C-alpha cells in the first residue's frame, strides 16, 4: 500500500537539496575560520530541514543539559536521529567511520565536525577516546550512540561500553556531564504510529538508504518524541560499565513509554553498583537483586 504523496515527496526533496547546498558553504566557512557559529549554525540548518523539508515535528520532553560540554547518550534507530537531535541541541556526533564515505551525508557529517570511530579496530580505541576527550575539553558537546548500530525503533539494543571511558574526561576539575536521551517516532499525520509503520522512520538491517529516504519524505508528517533524562556523571557510579548500564535502563524505559503511548512522568530507574552486563539481561538481573 502506497503511503503519502509522490508530489509532496518531490517538492520536499527539492527544497531539502536546495537548502542544503545553500548552507554548505556557510558552514564550511565557519569551520575553516574556526568561528563560534560553527556549533550553532548546524542547529539552525537542522531545524529548518525538520520543519519544512523532512516534515519532522520534534516534541521535547525534559530539559537538555546546559552544561558545556555534555556527553549525550542516545538510542539510535535512523539517520534521521541526526537532524532531529541536531535541531534541539548544539552538538557534534560520534559516528562509525563508514558514514564519512557516504555521498553528501558524509560531507555534512564532516562539516558538523563529527568524530568518526572504527569500532571493529580495537587497536584504535585509545586514539578514538582521546579524540573524543579532546573535543569535550575544548567545550564541544557530543552525541554518542552506544548501540553501535541502528535498531527497528521499538526497543533499545544493548549498549557497548568501550567509549563510555570518555566520561572520565575532566573539565575544569570535574567529570564531564552525561545525559541519557530517548528518541522515538510516535505519530504519522497525528495518528499513533504502530510497530508496523515505525520503519517509515527507522532505518536498520539491510535497508537501502535512497528508497527509505524517498518513502519517508513523501509519507506525511512524522512526530518524534525526544526525552532528555536527568544529567549524571561518572563520579556518581562505581565504573563506566555501571554508568553505561544506568544510561541503558533510563533510555530503554523512555523508549518503552513512547512506543506504548504512555506520557506520564518518567519512573526513576535504580542504579546498580556492579552490573552483570549492559542490556536487557543486566536490567533483569538488577531487578531480581532488588526484589
Protein backbone atom coordinates (compact mmCIF):
# COMPACT_ATOMS: atom_id res chain seq x y z
CA UNK A 1 0.00 0.00 0.00
CA UNK A 2 1.38 3.38 -1.01
CA UNK A 3 1.75 5.92 1.77
CA UNK A 4 1.76 9.67 1.28
CA UNK A 5 2.17 11.76 -1.84
CA UNK A 6 4.72 11.48 -4.64
CA UNK A 7 4.25 15.15 -5.48
CA UNK A 8 4.90 16.17 -1.88
CA UNK A 9 7.96 13.93 -1.85
CA UNK A 10 9.45 15.59 -4.93
CA UNK A 11 8.79 19.07 -3.53
CA UNK A 12 10.30 18.32 -0.13
CA UNK A 13 13.33 16.62 -1.64
CA UNK A 14 13.94 19.54 -4.00
CA UNK A 15 13.67 22.04 -1.13
CA UNK A 16 15.94 19.91 1.05
CA UNK A 17 18.65 19.75 -1.60
CA UNK A 18 18.39 23.47 -2.35
CA UNK A 19 18.56 24.44 1.34
CA UNK A 20 21.44 22.03 1.98
CA UNK A 21 23.59 23.29 -0.88
CA UNK A 22 22.85 26.86 0.19
CA UNK A 23 24.05 26.13 3.74
CA UNK A 24 27.14 24.02 2.93
CA UNK A 25 29.42 26.98 2.00
CA UNK A 26 28.24 28.91 5.09
CA UNK A 27 29.17 26.11 7.49
CA UNK A 28 32.35 25.37 5.55
CA UNK A 29 33.45 28.99 6.05
CA UNK A 30 32.57 28.91 9.75
CA UNK A 31 34.59 25.74 10.26
CA UNK A 32 37.59 26.81 8.20
CA UNK A 33 37.77 30.14 10.06
CA UNK A 34 37.10 28.45 13.42
CA UNK A 35 34.30 30.88 14.23
CA UNK A 36 31.89 30.34 17.17
CA UNK A 37 28.93 29.96 14.82
CA UNK A 38 30.24 26.59 13.63
CA UNK A 39 28.49 24.96 16.62
CA UNK A 40 25.24 26.98 16.37
CA UNK A 41 24.63 27.15 12.64
CA UNK A 42 24.02 23.38 12.20
CA UNK A 43 21.18 23.63 14.73
CA UNK A 44 19.52 26.32 12.62
CA UNK A 45 20.08 24.23 9.48
CA UNK A 46 18.57 21.09 11.06
CA UNK A 47 15.57 22.96 12.49
CA UNK A 48 14.64 24.29 9.06
CA UNK A 49 15.18 20.84 7.49
CA UNK A 50 13.00 19.09 10.06
CA UNK A 51 10.15 21.58 9.95
CA UNK A 52 9.91 22.44 6.25
CA UNK A 53 11.58 19.73 4.18
CA UNK A 54 11.68 16.47 6.12
CA UNK A 55 8.25 17.02 7.73
CA UNK A 56 9.51 16.00 11.18
CA UNK A 57 7.80 17.57 14.19
CA UNK A 58 10.03 17.27 17.25
CA UNK A 59 8.46 17.19 20.74
CA UNK A 60 10.99 17.78 23.53
CA UNK A 61 10.35 16.30 26.96
CA UNK A 62 12.64 17.23 29.83
CA UNK A 63 15.44 19.77 29.81
CA UNK A 64 18.53 19.42 27.60
CA UNK A 65 21.73 19.88 29.56
CA UNK A 66 23.03 23.43 29.53
CA UNK A 67 26.48 22.32 30.71
CA UNK A 68 29.20 22.74 28.12
CA UNK A 69 30.40 20.22 27.36
CA UNK A 70 27.88 17.37 27.75
CA UNK A 71 28.11 13.79 26.52
CA UNK A 72 24.59 12.96 25.31
CA UNK A 73 23.91 9.20 25.24
CA UNK A 74 21.04 8.25 22.92
CA UNK A 75 19.37 5.25 21.35
CA UNK A 76 19.67 5.09 17.58
CA UNK A 77 17.13 3.90 15.03
CA UNK A 78 17.74 6.06 11.96
CA UNK A 79 19.99 8.52 10.14
CA UNK A 80 17.09 10.89 10.89
CA UNK A 81 18.21 10.95 14.53
CA UNK A 82 20.93 13.34 13.34
CA UNK A 83 18.67 16.19 12.14
CA UNK A 84 16.21 15.53 14.99
CA UNK A 85 18.82 15.83 17.76
CA UNK A 86 20.79 18.41 15.80
CA UNK A 87 17.70 20.64 15.71
CA UNK A 88 17.41 20.61 19.50
CA UNK A 89 20.97 20.83 20.84
CA UNK A 90 24.20 22.40 19.55
CA UNK A 91 26.41 19.35 19.24
CA UNK A 92 28.62 17.13 17.15
CA UNK A 93 28.07 13.41 16.71
CA UNK A 94 30.14 10.28 17.19
CA UNK A 95 29.62 8.06 14.13
CA UNK A 96 31.10 4.99 12.53
CA UNK A 97 33.86 5.73 10.06
CA UNK A 98 31.80 4.47 7.09
CA UNK A 99 29.46 7.46 7.42
CA UNK A 100 32.30 9.75 6.32
CA UNK A 101 32.30 7.98 2.94
CA UNK A 102 28.59 8.42 2.22
CA UNK A 103 27.71 10.78 -0.67
CA UNK A 104 26.52 14.16 0.61
CA UNK A 105 25.75 12.88 4.15
CA UNK A 106 29.44 12.20 4.68
CA UNK A 107 30.25 15.80 3.77
CA UNK A 108 27.52 17.09 6.08
CA UNK A 109 28.87 14.92 8.90
CA UNK A 110 32.36 16.34 8.42
CA UNK A 111 31.04 19.91 8.36
CA UNK A 112 29.33 19.25 11.70
CA UNK A 113 32.74 18.10 12.96
CA UNK A 114 31.64 14.53 13.55
CA UNK A 115 34.06 12.28 15.44
CA UNK A 116 34.47 9.14 13.35
CA UNK A 117 35.24 5.86 15.10
CA UNK A 118 36.07 2.37 13.89
CA UNK A 119 34.55 0.01 16.45
CA UNK A 120 35.97 -3.02 14.65
CA UNK A 121 39.57 -1.89 15.15
CA UNK A 122 40.24 -2.23 18.87
CA UNK A 123 43.81 -1.02 18.39
CA UNK A 124 42.43 2.43 17.60
CA UNK A 125 40.13 2.53 20.63
CA UNK A 126 42.59 4.57 22.71
CA UNK A 127 43.08 7.18 19.97
CA UNK A 128 39.35 7.43 19.39
CA UNK A 129 38.70 8.04 23.08
CA UNK A 130 41.47 10.65 23.08
CA UNK A 131 39.86 12.39 20.08
CA UNK A 132 36.51 12.49 21.85
CA UNK A 133 38.10 13.66 25.10
CA UNK A 134 39.91 16.44 23.26
CA UNK A 135 36.67 17.70 21.81
CA UNK A 136 34.97 17.64 25.20
CA UNK A 137 37.87 19.50 26.81
CA UNK A 138 37.57 22.10 24.05
CA UNK A 139 33.94 22.65 25.13
CA UNK A 140 32.15 20.70 22.38
CA UNK A 141 29.12 18.61 23.34
CA UNK A 142 28.98 15.17 21.70
CA UNK A 143 26.17 12.72 20.95
CA UNK A 144 27.11 9.05 21.42
CA UNK A 145 25.01 6.18 20.03
CA UNK A 146 26.35 3.30 22.13
CA UNK A 147 24.23 0.59 20.49
CA UNK A 148 26.82 0.70 17.73
CA UNK A 149 24.14 0.27 15.05
CA UNK A 150 20.55 1.30 14.40
CA UNK A 151 17.52 -0.62 15.72
CA UNK A 152 13.94 -1.06 14.50
CA UNK A 153 12.79 1.77 16.77
CA UNK A 154 10.67 -0.45 19.01
CA UNK A 155 13.40 -1.34 21.50
CA UNK A 156 16.90 -0.40 22.60
CA UNK A 157 19.78 -2.74 21.79
CA UNK A 158 22.46 -3.45 24.41
CA UNK A 159 24.97 -0.65 24.88
CA UNK A 160 28.63 -1.14 24.02
CA UNK A 161 30.67 0.22 26.91
CA UNK A 162 34.13 0.94 25.49
CA UNK A 163 33.53 4.58 24.53
CA UNK A 164 31.92 5.32 27.89
CA UNK A 165 35.50 5.63 29.13
CA UNK A 166 35.44 9.16 27.70
CA UNK A 167 33.02 10.07 30.52
CA UNK A 168 36.10 10.14 32.75
CA UNK A 169 37.27 13.28 30.96
CA UNK A 170 37.92 16.07 33.46
CA UNK A 171 36.69 19.53 32.52
CA UNK A 172 37.58 22.28 35.00
CA UNK A 173 38.31 19.72 37.68
CA UNK A 174 35.18 17.57 37.38
CA UNK A 175 33.95 14.70 35.25
CA UNK A 176 32.03 15.67 32.12
CA UNK A 177 28.22 15.82 32.32
CA UNK A 178 26.40 12.79 30.84
CA UNK A 179 22.75 12.99 29.78
CA UNK A 180 20.74 9.97 28.57
CA UNK A 181 18.27 10.70 25.73
CA UNK A 182 15.40 8.65 24.28
CA UNK A 183 14.35 9.28 20.66
CA UNK A 184 11.17 7.64 19.28
CA UNK A 185 8.96 8.28 16.26
CA UNK A 186 5.41 8.21 17.65
CA UNK A 187 2.92 9.59 15.10
CA UNK A 188 2.21 9.88 11.39
CA UNK A 189 -0.07 12.80 10.49
CA UNK A 190 -1.15 12.97 14.18
CA UNK A 191 -2.17 9.31 14.25
CA UNK A 192 -0.28 6.90 16.56
CA UNK A 193 2.44 5.05 14.71
CA UNK A 194 2.27 1.29 15.31
CA UNK A 195 5.09 -1.24 15.17
CA UNK A 196 4.41 -1.99 11.51
CA UNK A 197 4.82 1.62 10.35
CA UNK A 198 7.74 2.62 12.57
CA UNK A 199 10.18 1.65 9.76
CA UNK A 200 8.99 4.80 7.99
CA UNK A 201 11.42 6.46 10.40
CA UNK A 202 13.66 3.61 11.50
CA UNK A 203 16.44 2.61 9.10
CA UNK A 204 18.19 -0.60 10.03
CA UNK A 205 19.39 -4.01 8.87
CA UNK A 206 19.94 -4.25 5.13
CA UNK A 207 17.63 -1.35 4.17
CA UNK A 208 18.87 0.75 1.28
CA UNK A 209 19.15 4.45 2.07
CA UNK A 210 17.70 6.11 -1.09
CA UNK A 211 14.43 4.10 -1.16
CA UNK A 212 13.95 4.61 2.58
CA UNK A 213 14.53 8.36 2.32
CA UNK A 214 12.15 8.60 -0.62
CA UNK A 215 9.37 6.71 1.18
CA UNK A 216 9.83 8.73 4.37
CA UNK A 217 9.95 12.15 2.73
CA UNK A 218 6.67 11.57 0.91
CA UNK A 219 4.82 9.75 3.68
CA UNK A 220 3.41 12.67 5.65
CA UNK A 221 4.36 14.48 8.86
CA UNK A 222 6.13 12.32 11.41
CA UNK A 223 6.20 13.28 15.09
CA UNK A 224 9.34 12.48 17.07
CA UNK A 225 9.48 12.39 20.87
CA UNK A 226 12.88 13.36 22.31
CA UNK A 227 13.08 12.80 26.05
CA UNK A 228 16.02 14.25 27.98
CA UNK A 229 16.65 12.40 31.23
CA UNK A 230 18.41 13.71 34.37
CA UNK A 231 22.09 14.57 33.97
CA UNK A 232 24.62 12.32 35.71
CA UNK A 233 28.38 11.88 35.65
CA UNK A 234 30.86 9.06 36.03
CA UNK A 235 31.52 10.27 39.58
CA UNK A 236 28.01 9.04 40.50
CA UNK A 237 28.88 5.43 39.67
CA UNK A 238 31.40 2.76 40.57
CA UNK A 239 32.61 2.23 36.99
CA UNK A 240 31.99 3.16 33.37
CA UNK A 241 30.04 -0.11 33.00
CA UNK A 242 27.72 0.92 35.83
CA UNK A 243 27.24 4.30 34.14
CA UNK A 244 26.51 2.58 30.82
CA UNK A 245 24.00 0.24 32.46
CA UNK A 246 22.20 3.17 34.10
CA UNK A 247 22.04 5.01 30.77
CA UNK A 248 20.69 1.90 29.03
CA UNK A 249 17.96 1.40 31.63
CA UNK A 250 16.85 5.05 31.55
CA UNK A 251 16.89 5.30 27.74
CA UNK A 252 15.11 1.94 27.32
CA UNK A 253 12.41 2.97 29.79
CA UNK A 254 11.86 6.19 27.85
CA UNK A 255 11.60 4.30 24.56
CA UNK A 256 9.14 1.82 26.08
CA UNK A 257 6.91 4.65 27.33
CA UNK A 258 6.92 6.38 23.96
CA UNK A 259 6.25 3.18 22.00
CA UNK A 260 3.37 2.29 24.33
CA UNK A 261 1.98 5.84 24.23
CA UNK A 262 2.39 6.40 27.96
CA UNK A 263 3.05 10.08 28.53
CA UNK A 264 3.25 10.03 32.32
CA UNK A 265 6.19 11.33 34.34
CA UNK A 266 9.32 9.15 33.92
CA UNK A 267 9.74 6.48 36.57
CA UNK A 268 13.10 6.64 38.42
CA UNK A 269 15.46 3.83 37.49
CA UNK A 270 17.71 2.25 40.10
CA UNK A 271 21.47 2.47 39.58
CA UNK A 272 23.15 -0.90 40.12
CA UNK A 273 26.67 -0.72 41.53
CA UNK A 274 28.02 -3.82 39.79
CA UNK A 275 26.04 -4.78 36.65
CA UNK A 276 26.38 -8.19 35.11
CA UNK A 277 26.16 -6.72 31.62
CA UNK A 278 24.80 -3.87 29.61
CA UNK A 279 21.38 -4.59 28.20
CA UNK A 280 18.13 -6.43 28.88
CA UNK A 281 19.84 -9.22 30.78
CA UNK A 282 21.59 -6.77 33.08
CA UNK A 283 18.34 -4.93 33.78
CA UNK A 284 16.60 -8.17 34.65
CA UNK A 285 19.43 -9.18 36.94
CA UNK A 286 19.35 -5.83 38.72
CA UNK A 287 15.59 -6.08 39.20
CA UNK A 288 15.96 -9.52 40.72
CA UNK A 289 18.63 -8.25 43.04
CA UNK A 290 16.31 -5.53 44.35
CA UNK A 291 13.37 -7.89 44.79
